Amino acid sequence: MNEAKIIVNSNTNIEELLTQIDGQSEKDIVIESDLGIENVKNIVKHISDLPDQGFRFYNVSFKSLSTEDKVELLKFSMTNNICVANLIETMVLLVNSSNNYNAEFFASENVFFSSLVEYLDVCDEIEEETNLLREKVVYYFLATLKSYVNHARFILMDSSNYETIPQMYECILMLLDIFNLSFIMNTPNLKVPSLGEISNNVKNNSGLIDIWANKQNFVKSTLGDLYNLIMEKNNLQPTEEE
């Protein structure tokens, strides 16, 4: 069970706080608007750098930050491969560009944006960075597929002749499915690399292809169950002649 929330503001001793963030216990951290963006960057960098995916222990709320600070934080995170759960979820939101959100969605403390208006404003400010993020996501997606032939060698041999997907991108890819990735690849003006430019020696630590396959099977199974339910309901309805 999570400990009490840690409220972080301009009165917080950042050095003392960082000693508490050790990747050993779950904590909810709420960043308040007066903290200062440089302190926010220091905190997320510290969490991201925790060994053994220790970042997963921390649920960080950035909701109180100003729109300007949110823009700067996202740019910093994308540029520096920052791996913090709430920021990863926000990047997935940005690269998907679904825009199917209502007021209740933005009311959640865990949602990075406070409103649809703020979401759209931030999207405008980081359009270039988001497109670069999409291109990298597509690159690592295709590299994962292309490298599958070497998957057994990565597992069985202690070889250093491979590139590891940065943790941030691996986490983003774990949250996406084939439909999402196909949607991203159809983004207008997206610079997709040619196959010759894509590495076939990229390793991930999460079994990404298995994750995508399982998600796809779940979607197909759910759609099949829904189809059968609709057909059953239609067959049970009396016809006009009856």
C-alpha atoms as a PDB file:
ATOM      1  CA  MET A   1       0.000   0.000   0.000  1.00  0.00           C
ATOM      2  CA  ASN A   2       1.306   3.452  -0.880  1.00  0.00           C
ATOM      3  CA  GLU A   3       2.574   5.721   1.861  1.00  0.00           C
ATOM      4  CA  ALA A   4       1.015   9.145   2.406  1.00  0.00           C
ATOM      5  CA  LYS A   5       1.403  11.561  -0.464  1.00  0.00           C
ATOM      6  CA  ILE A   6       4.580  13.600  -0.570  1.00  0.00           C
ATOM      7  CA  ILE A   7       3.726  17.220  -1.379  1.00  0.00           C
ATOM      8  CA  VAL A   8       6.664  18.968  -3.057  1.00  0.00           C
ATOM      9  CA  ASN A   9       6.779  22.762  -3.237  1.00  0.00           C
ATOM     10  CA  SER A  10       9.149  25.713  -2.843  1.00  0.00           C
ATOM     11  CA  ASN A  11       9.607  24.881   0.863  1.00  0.00           C
ATOM     12  CA  THR A  12      10.813  21.345   0.162  1.00  0.00           C
ATOM     13  CA  ASN A  13      14.456  20.459   0.690  1.00  0.00           C
ATOM     14  CA  ILE A  14      15.148  18.806  -2.678  1.00  0.00           C
ATOM     15  CA  GLU A  15      18.339  17.066  -1.560  1.00  0.00           C
ATOM     16  CA  GLU A  16      16.510  15.418   1.351  1.00  0.00           C
ATOM     17  CA  LEU A  17      13.645  14.472  -0.931  1.00  0.00           C
ATOM     18  CA  LEU A  18      15.961  12.752  -3.403  1.00  0.00           C
ATOM     19  CA  THR A  19      17.394  10.584  -0.639  1.00  0.00           C
ATOM     20  CA  GLN A  20      13.851   9.304   0.026  1.00  0.00           C
ATOM     21  CA  ILE A  21      13.379   8.381  -3.637  1.00  0.00           C
ATOM     22  CA  ASP A  22      15.385   5.170  -3.610  1.00  0.00           C
ATOM     23  CA  GLY A  23      13.326   2.814  -5.761  1.00  0.00           C
ATOM     24  CA  GLN A  24      12.539   0.565  -2.799  1.00  0.00           C
ATOM     25  CA  SER A  25       8.999   1.552  -1.807  1.00  0.00           C
ATOM     26  CA  GLU A  26       5.892   2.966  -3.470  1.00  0.00           C
ATOM     27  CA  LYS A  27       5.293   6.683  -3.114  1.00  0.00           C
ATOM     28  CA  ASP A  28       2.799   9.212  -4.470  1.00  0.00           C
ATOM     29  CA  ILE A  29       4.489  12.527  -5.196  1.00  0.00           C
ATOM     30  CA  VAL A  30       2.487  15.687  -5.883  1.00  0.00           C
ATOM     31  CA  ILE A  31       4.405  18.524  -7.529  1.00  0.00           C
ATOM     32  CA  GLU A  32       2.991  21.959  -6.717  1.00  0.00           C
ATOM     33  CA  SER A  33       3.120  24.933  -9.062  1.00  0.00           C
ATOM     34  CA  ASP A  34       5.700  26.976  -7.110  1.00  0.00           C
ATOM     35  CA  LEU A  35       8.422  24.312  -7.078  1.00  0.00           C
ATOM     36  CA  GLY A  36      10.357  25.703 -10.035  1.00  0.00           C
ATOM     37  CA  ILE A  37      10.929  23.862 -13.279  1.00  0.00           C
ATOM     38  CA  GLU A  38      14.625  23.147 -12.653  1.00  0.00           C
ATOM     39  CA  ASN A  39      13.755  21.356  -9.420  1.00  0.00           C
ATOM     40  CA  VAL A  40      11.075  19.389 -11.282  1.00  0.00           C
ATOM     41  CA  LYS A  41      13.662  18.348 -13.867  1.00  0.00           C
ATOM     42  CA  ASN A  42      16.060  17.227 -11.128  1.00  0.00           C
ATOM     43  CA  ILE A  43      13.362  15.087  -9.536  1.00  0.00           C
ATOM     44  CA  VAL A  44      12.261  13.356 -12.752  1.00  0.00           C
ATOM     45  CA  LYS A  45      15.868  12.785 -13.820  1.00  0.00           C
ATOM     46  CA  HIS A  46      16.602  11.184 -10.441  1.00  0.00           C
ATOM     47  CA  ILE A  47      13.548   8.909 -10.673  1.00  0.00           C
ATOM     48  CA  SER A  48      14.332   7.992 -14.274  1.00  0.00           C
ATOM     49  CA  ASP A  49      17.909   7.020 -13.379  1.00  0.00           C
ATOM     50  CA  LEU A  50      16.916   4.638 -10.556  1.00  0.00           C
ATOM     51  CA  PRO A  51      18.335   1.134 -11.143  1.00  0.00           C
ATOM     52  CA  ASP A  52      16.220  -1.970 -11.848  1.00  0.00           C
ATOM     53  CA  GLN A  53      13.279   0.053 -13.187  1.00  0.00           C
ATOM     54  CA  GLY A  54      12.805   1.652  -9.775  1.00  0.00           C
ATOM     55  CA  PHE A  55      10.860   4.454 -11.469  1.00  0.00           C
ATOM     56  CA  ARG A  56       7.819   2.132 -11.409  1.00  0.00           C
ATOM     57  CA  PHE A  57       7.447   2.723  -7.664  1.00  0.00           C
ATOM     58  CA  TYR A  58       6.622   6.400  -8.111  1.00  0.00           C
ATOM     59  CA  ASN A  59       3.333   7.956  -9.139  1.00  0.00           C
ATOM     60  CA  VAL A  60       4.108  11.615  -9.770  1.00  0.00           C
ATOM     61  CA  SER A  61       1.401  14.216 -10.337  1.00  0.00           C
ATOM     62  CA  PHE A  62       2.408  17.263 -12.382  1.00  0.00           C
ATOM     63  CA  LYS A  63      -1.120  18.627 -12.751  1.00  0.00           C
ATOM     64  CA  SER A  64      -0.523  21.831 -10.757  1.00  0.00           C
ATOM     65  CA  LEU A  65       2.312  23.019 -12.980  1.00  0.00           C
ATOM     66  CA  SER A  66       1.682  25.957 -15.287  1.00  0.00           C
ATOM     67  CA  THR A  67       1.174  25.256 -18.981  1.00  0.00           C
ATOM     68  CA  GLU A  68       4.581  26.820 -19.710  1.00  0.00           C
ATOM     69  CA  ASP A  69       6.306  24.530 -17.212  1.00  0.00           C
ATOM     70  CA  LYS A  70       4.507  21.496 -18.641  1.00  0.00           C
ATOM     71  CA  VAL A  71       5.753  22.383 -22.110  1.00  0.00           C
ATOM     72  CA  GLU A  72       9.330  22.714 -20.843  1.00  0.00           C
ATOM     73  CA  LEU A  73       9.093  19.489 -18.820  1.00  0.00           C
ATOM     74  CA  LEU A  74       7.851  17.485 -21.803  1.00  0.00           C
ATOM     75  CA  LYS A  75      10.547  18.879 -24.080  1.00  0.00           C
ATOM     76  CA  PHE A  76      13.177  18.029 -21.462  1.00  0.00           C
ATOM     77  CA  SER A  77      11.768  14.530 -20.977  1.00  0.00           C
ATOM     78  CA  MET A  78      11.621  13.713 -24.690  1.00  0.00           C
ATOM     79  CA  THR A  79      15.139  15.028 -25.299  1.00  0.00           C
ATOM     80  CA  ASN A  80      16.691  13.221 -22.334  1.00  0.00           C
ATOM     81  CA  ASN A  81      14.787   9.894 -22.551  1.00  0.00           C
ATOM     82  CA  ILE A  82      13.195  10.460 -19.142  1.00  0.00           C
ATOM     83  CA  CYS A  83      11.374   7.397 -17.844  1.00  0.00           C
ATOM     84  CA  VAL A  84       8.713   8.394 -15.284  1.00  0.00           C
ATOM     85  CA  ALA A  85       5.395   6.560 -15.442  1.00  0.00           C
ATOM     86  CA  ASN A  86       3.121   9.613 -15.667  1.00  0.00           C
ATOM     87  CA  LEU A  87       5.314  11.217 -18.328  1.00  0.00           C
ATOM     88  CA  ILE A  88       5.434   7.975 -20.355  1.00  0.00           C
ATOM     89  CA  GLU A  89       1.633   7.775 -20.288  1.00  0.00           C
ATOM     90  CA  THR A  90       1.497  11.410 -21.402  1.00  0.00           C
ATOM     91  CA  MET A  91       3.846  10.742 -24.328  1.00  0.00           C
ATOM     92  CA  VAL A  92       1.650   7.825 -25.403  1.00  0.00           C
ATOM     93  CA  LEU A  93      -1.316  10.196 -25.292  1.00  0.00           C
ATOM     94  CA  LEU A  94       0.552  12.700 -27.465  1.00  0.00           C
ATOM     95  CA  VAL A  95       1.813  10.303 -30.143  1.00  0.00           C
ATOM     96  CA  ASN A  96      -1.606   8.655 -30.485  1.00  0.00           C
ATOM     97  CA  SER A  97      -3.429  11.974 -31.001  1.00  0.00           C
ATOM     98  CA  SER A  98      -6.830  10.350 -30.506  1.00  0.00           C
ATOM     99  CA  ASN A  99      -8.443  13.485 -29.026  1.00  0.00           C
ATOM    100  CA  ASN A 100     -11.358  11.455 -27.648  1.00  0.00           C
ATOM    101  CA  TYR A 101     -11.288  13.020 -24.215  1.00  0.00           C
ATOM    102  CA  ASN A 102     -13.976  14.545 -22.012  1.00  0.00           C
ATOM    103  CA  ALA A 103     -14.038  16.713 -18.889  1.00  0.00           C
ATOM    104  CA  GLU A 104     -14.008  13.682 -16.583  1.00  0.00           C
ATOM    105  CA  PHE A 105     -10.779  12.451 -18.170  1.00  0.00           C
ATOM    106  CA  PHE A 106      -8.956  15.701 -17.456  1.00  0.00           C
ATOM    107  CA  ALA A 107     -10.340  15.881 -13.890  1.00  0.00           C
ATOM    108  CA  SER A 108      -8.186  12.935 -12.811  1.00  0.00           C
ATOM    109  CA  GLU A 109      -5.143  13.879 -10.722  1.00  0.00           C
ATOM    110  CA  ASN A 110      -3.057  11.361 -12.664  1.00  0.00           C
ATOM    111  CA  VAL A 111      -3.745  13.044 -16.020  1.00  0.00           C
ATOM    112  CA  PHE A 112      -0.947  15.451 -16.919  1.00  0.00           C
ATOM    113  CA  PHE A 113      -3.250  18.047 -18.505  1.00  0.00           C
ATOM    114  CA  SER A 114      -5.925  20.030 -16.684  1.00  0.00           C
ATOM    115  CA  SER A 115      -8.269  20.526 -19.623  1.00  0.00           C
ATOM    116  CA  LEU A 116      -8.726  19.865 -23.314  1.00  0.00           C
ATOM    117  CA  VAL A 117      -7.746  23.478 -24.008  1.00  0.00           C
ATOM    118  CA  GLU A 118      -4.441  23.042 -22.157  1.00  0.00           C
ATOM    119  CA  TYR A 119      -3.823  19.738 -23.945  1.00  0.00           C
ATOM    120  CA  LEU A 120      -4.291  21.406 -27.340  1.00  0.00           C
ATOM    121  CA  ASP A 121      -2.140  24.390 -26.342  1.00  0.00           C
ATOM    122  CA  VAL A 122       0.700  22.104 -25.260  1.00  0.00           C
ATOM    123  CA  CYS A 123       0.362  20.035 -28.440  1.00  0.00           C
ATOM    124  CA  ASP A 124       0.875  23.195 -30.495  1.00  0.00           C
ATOM    125  CA  GLU A 125       3.988  24.146 -28.509  1.00  0.00           C
ATOM    126  CA  ILE A 126       5.679  20.739 -28.788  1.00  0.00           C
ATOM    127  CA  GLU A 127       4.541  19.694 -32.258  1.00  0.00           C
ATOM    128  CA  GLU A 128       8.118  19.345 -33.548  1.00  0.00           C
ATOM    129  CA  GLU A 129       9.260  17.307 -30.534  1.00  0.00           C
ATOM    130  CA  THR A 130       6.174  15.083 -30.737  1.00  0.00           C
ATOM    131  CA  ASN A 131       6.793  14.333 -34.414  1.00  0.00           C
ATOM    132  CA  LEU A 132      10.403  13.392 -33.632  1.00  0.00           C
ATOM    133  CA  LEU A 133       9.099  11.174 -30.827  1.00  0.00           C
ATOM    134  CA  ARG A 134       6.708   9.445 -33.249  1.00  0.00           C
ATOM    135  CA  GLU A 135       9.528   8.868 -35.711  1.00  0.00           C
ATOM    136  CA  LYS A 136      11.681   7.278 -32.999  1.00  0.00           C
ATOM    137  CA  VAL A 137       8.775   5.106 -31.837  1.00  0.00           C
ATOM    138  CA  VAL A 138       8.263   3.886 -35.410  1.00  0.00           C
ATOM    139  CA  TYR A 139      11.999   3.284 -35.807  1.00  0.00           C
ATOM    140  CA  TYR A 140      12.200   1.107 -32.688  1.00  0.00           C
ATOM    141  CA  PHE A 141       8.981  -0.695 -33.618  1.00  0.00           C
ATOM    142  CA  LEU A 142      10.350  -1.642 -37.040  1.00  0.00           C
ATOM    143  CA  ALA A 143      13.781  -2.410 -35.575  1.00  0.00           C
ATOM    144  CA  THR A 144      12.159  -4.781 -33.075  1.00  0.00           C
ATOM    145  CA  LEU A 145      10.410  -6.636 -35.897  1.00  0.00           C
ATOM    146  CA  LYS A 146      13.549  -6.686 -38.032  1.00  0.00           C
ATOM    147  CA  SER A 147      15.676  -7.903 -35.114  1.00  0.00           C
ATOM    148  CA  TYR A 148      13.329 -10.764 -34.217  1.00  0.00           C
ATOM    149  CA  VAL A 149      15.473 -13.142 -36.244  1.00  0.00           C
ATOM    150  CA  ASN A 150      18.280 -12.474 -33.740  1.00  0.00           C
ATOM    151  CA  HIS A 151      16.037 -12.760 -30.674  1.00  0.00           C
ATOM    152  CA  ALA A 152      17.289 -16.215 -29.704  1.00  0.00           C
ATOM    153  CA  ARG A 153      20.924 -15.085 -29.961  1.00  0.00           C
ATOM    154  CA  PHE A 154      20.212 -12.127 -27.667  1.00  0.00           C
ATOM    155  CA  ILE A 155      18.801 -14.528 -25.071  1.00  0.00           C
ATOM    156  CA  LEU A 156      21.275 -17.410 -25.376  1.00  0.00           C
ATOM    157  CA  MET A 157      24.534 -15.578 -25.901  1.00  0.00           C
ATOM    158  CA  ASP A 158      26.256 -12.914 -23.842  1.00  0.00           C
ATOM    159  CA  SER A 159      26.893 -10.773 -26.889  1.00  0.00           C
ATOM    160  CA  SER A 160      27.625  -7.058 -26.723  1.00  0.00           C
ATOM    161  CA  ASN A 161      27.007  -6.629 -30.434  1.00  0.00           C
ATOM    162  CA  TYR A 162      23.548  -5.131 -30.156  1.00  0.00           C
ATOM    163  CA  GLU A 163      21.763  -1.879 -29.412  1.00  0.00           C
ATOM    164  CA  THR A 164      19.354  -1.761 -26.482  1.00  0.00           C
ATOM    165  CA  ILE A 165      16.162   0.226 -26.907  1.00  0.00           C
ATOM    166  CA  PRO A 166      16.225   3.200 -24.506  1.00  0.00           C
ATOM    167  CA  GLN A 167      14.021   2.496 -21.505  1.00  0.00           C
ATOM    168  CA  MET A 168      11.678   5.386 -22.299  1.00  0.00           C
ATOM    169  CA  TYR A 169      10.924   4.079 -25.792  1.00  0.00           C
ATOM    170  CA  GLU A 170      10.556   0.503 -24.597  1.00  0.00           C
ATOM    171  CA  CYS A 171       7.967   1.608 -22.034  1.00  0.00           C
ATOM    172  CA  ILE A 172       6.101   3.636 -24.670  1.00  0.00           C
ATOM    173  CA  LEU A 173       6.043   0.610 -27.001  1.00  0.00           C
ATOM    174  CA  MET A 174       4.770  -1.611 -24.177  1.00  0.00           C
ATOM    175  CA  LEU A 175       1.710   0.639 -23.820  1.00  0.00           C
ATOM    176  CA  LEU A 176       0.930   0.655 -27.544  1.00  0.00           C
ATOM    177  CA  ASP A 177      -0.652  -2.056 -29.660  1.00  0.00           C
ATOM    178  CA  ILE A 178      -0.539  -2.840 -33.381  1.00  0.00           C
ATOM    179  CA  PHE A 179      -3.542  -0.616 -34.089  1.00  0.00           C
ATOM    180  CA  ASN A 180      -1.916   2.341 -32.268  1.00  0.00           C
ATOM    181  CA  LEU A 181       1.385   1.806 -34.067  1.00  0.00           C
ATOM    182  CA  SER A 182      -0.350   1.577 -37.428  1.00  0.00           C
ATOM    183  CA  PHE A 183      -2.152   4.833 -36.633  1.00  0.00           C
ATOM    184  CA  ILE A 184       1.150   6.522 -35.757  1.00  0.00           C
ATOM    185  CA  MET A 185       2.775   5.285 -38.973  1.00  0.00           C
ATOM    186  CA  ASN A 186      -0.042   6.953 -40.933  1.00  0.00           C
ATOM    187  CA  THR A 187       0.750  10.364 -39.440  1.00  0.00           C
ATOM    188  CA  PRO A 188       1.012  12.894 -42.317  1.00  0.00           C
ATOM    189  CA  ASN A 189       4.597  13.867 -43.232  1.00  0.00           C
ATOM    190  CA  LEU A 190       6.097  11.330 -40.839  1.00  0.00           C
ATOM    191  CA  LYS A 191       9.685  10.562 -41.838  1.00  0.00           C
ATOM    192  CA  VAL A 192       9.783   6.769 -41.737  1.00  0.00           C
ATOM    193  CA  PRO A 193      13.278   5.346 -42.320  1.00  0.00           C
ATOM    194  CA  SER A 194      13.928   2.881 -45.103  1.00  0.00           C
ATOM    195  CA  LEU A 195      14.512  -0.747 -44.097  1.00  0.00           C
ATOM    196  CA  GLY A 196      18.204  -0.381 -44.911  1.00  0.00           C
ATOM    197  CA  GLU A 197      18.491   2.389 -42.313  1.00  0.00           C
ATOM    198  CA  ILE A 198      16.872   0.290 -39.573  1.00  0.00           C
ATOM    199  CA  SER A 199      19.053  -1.832 -37.311  1.00  0.00           C
ATOM    200  CA  ASN A 200      18.451  -5.597 -37.110  1.00  0.00           C
ATOM    201  CA  ASN A 201      20.455  -5.781 -33.893  1.00  0.00           C
ATOM    202  CA  VAL A 202      18.100  -4.060 -31.457  1.00  0.00           C
ATOM    203  CA  LYS A 203      17.336  -5.767 -28.173  1.00  0.00           C
ATOM    204  CA  ASN A 204      14.462  -5.137 -25.756  1.00  0.00           C
ATOM    205  CA  ASN A 205      13.965  -6.514 -22.274  1.00  0.00           C
ATOM    206  CA  SER A 206      10.178  -6.809 -22.257  1.00  0.00           C
ATOM    207  CA  GLY A 207       9.264  -9.306 -24.968  1.00  0.00           C
ATOM    208  CA  LEU A 208       7.592  -6.580 -27.019  1.00  0.00           C
ATOM    209  CA  ILE A 209       6.456  -8.835 -29.862  1.00  0.00           C
ATOM    210  CA  ASP A 210       4.775 -11.180 -27.388  1.00  0.00           C
ATOM    211  CA  ILE A 211       3.086  -8.207 -25.707  1.00  0.00           C
ATOM    212  CA  TRP A 212       1.756  -6.918 -29.038  1.00  0.00           C
ATOM    213  CA  ALA A 213       0.614 -10.401 -30.081  1.00  0.00           C
ATOM    214  CA  ASN A 214      -1.241 -10.932 -26.798  1.00  0.00           C
ATOM    215  CA  LYS A 215      -2.930  -7.544 -27.091  1.00  0.00           C
ATOM    216  CA  GLN A 216      -3.961  -8.313 -30.667  1.00  0.00           C
ATOM    217  CA  ASN A 217      -5.382 -11.696 -29.662  1.00  0.00           C
ATOM    218  CA  PHE A 218      -7.326 -10.053 -26.847  1.00  0.00           C
ATOM    219  CA  VAL A 219      -8.817  -7.467 -29.227  1.00  0.00           C
ATOM    220  CA  LYS A 220      -9.764 -10.142 -31.765  1.00  0.00           C
ATOM    221  CA  SER A 221     -11.289 -12.325 -29.038  1.00  0.00           C
ATOM    222  CA  THR A 222     -13.270  -9.411 -27.592  1.00  0.00           C
ATOM    223  CA  LEU A 223     -14.553  -8.389 -31.028  1.00  0.00           C
ATOM    224  CA  GLY A 224     -15.533 -12.014 -31.714  1.00  0.00           C
ATOM    225  CA  ASP A 225     -17.456 -12.234 -28.436  1.00  0.00           C
ATOM    226  CA  LEU A 226     -19.169  -8.914 -29.203  1.00  0.00           C
ATOM    227  CA  TYR A 227     -20.138 -10.109 -32.691  1.00  0.00           C
ATOM    228  CA  ASN A 228     -21.598 -13.348 -31.305  1.00  0.00           C
ATOM    229  CA  LEU A 229     -23.546 -11.404 -28.682  1.00  0.00           C
ATOM    230  CA  ILE A 230     -25.009  -9.065 -31.319  1.00  0.00           C
ATOM    231  CA  MET A 231     -25.934 -11.958 -33.593  1.00  0.00           C
ATOM    232  CA  GLU A 232     -27.520 -13.849 -30.701  1.00  0.00           C
ATOM    233  CA  LYS A 233     -29.532 -10.780 -29.704  1.00  0.00           C
ATOM    234  CA  ASN A 234     -30.675 -10.244 -33.310  1.00  0.00           C
ATOM    235  CA  ASN A 235     -31.746 -13.896 -33.634  1.00  0.00           C
ATOM    236  CA  LEU A 236     -33.793 -13.647 -30.434  1.00  0.00           C
ATOM    237  CA  GLN A 237     -35.709 -10.566 -31.603  1.00  0.00           C
ATOM    238  CA  PRO A 238     -39.177 -11.404 -33.078  1.00  0.00           C
ATOM    239  CA  THR A 239     -39.677 -10.603 -36.747  1.00  0.00           C
ATOM    240  CA  GLU A 240     -42.490  -8.333 -37.946  1.00  0.00           C
ATOM    241  CA  GLU A 241     -44.419 -11.384 -39.238  1.00  0.00           C
ATOM    242  CA  GLU A 242     -44.426 -12.899 -35.741  1.00  0.00           C
END
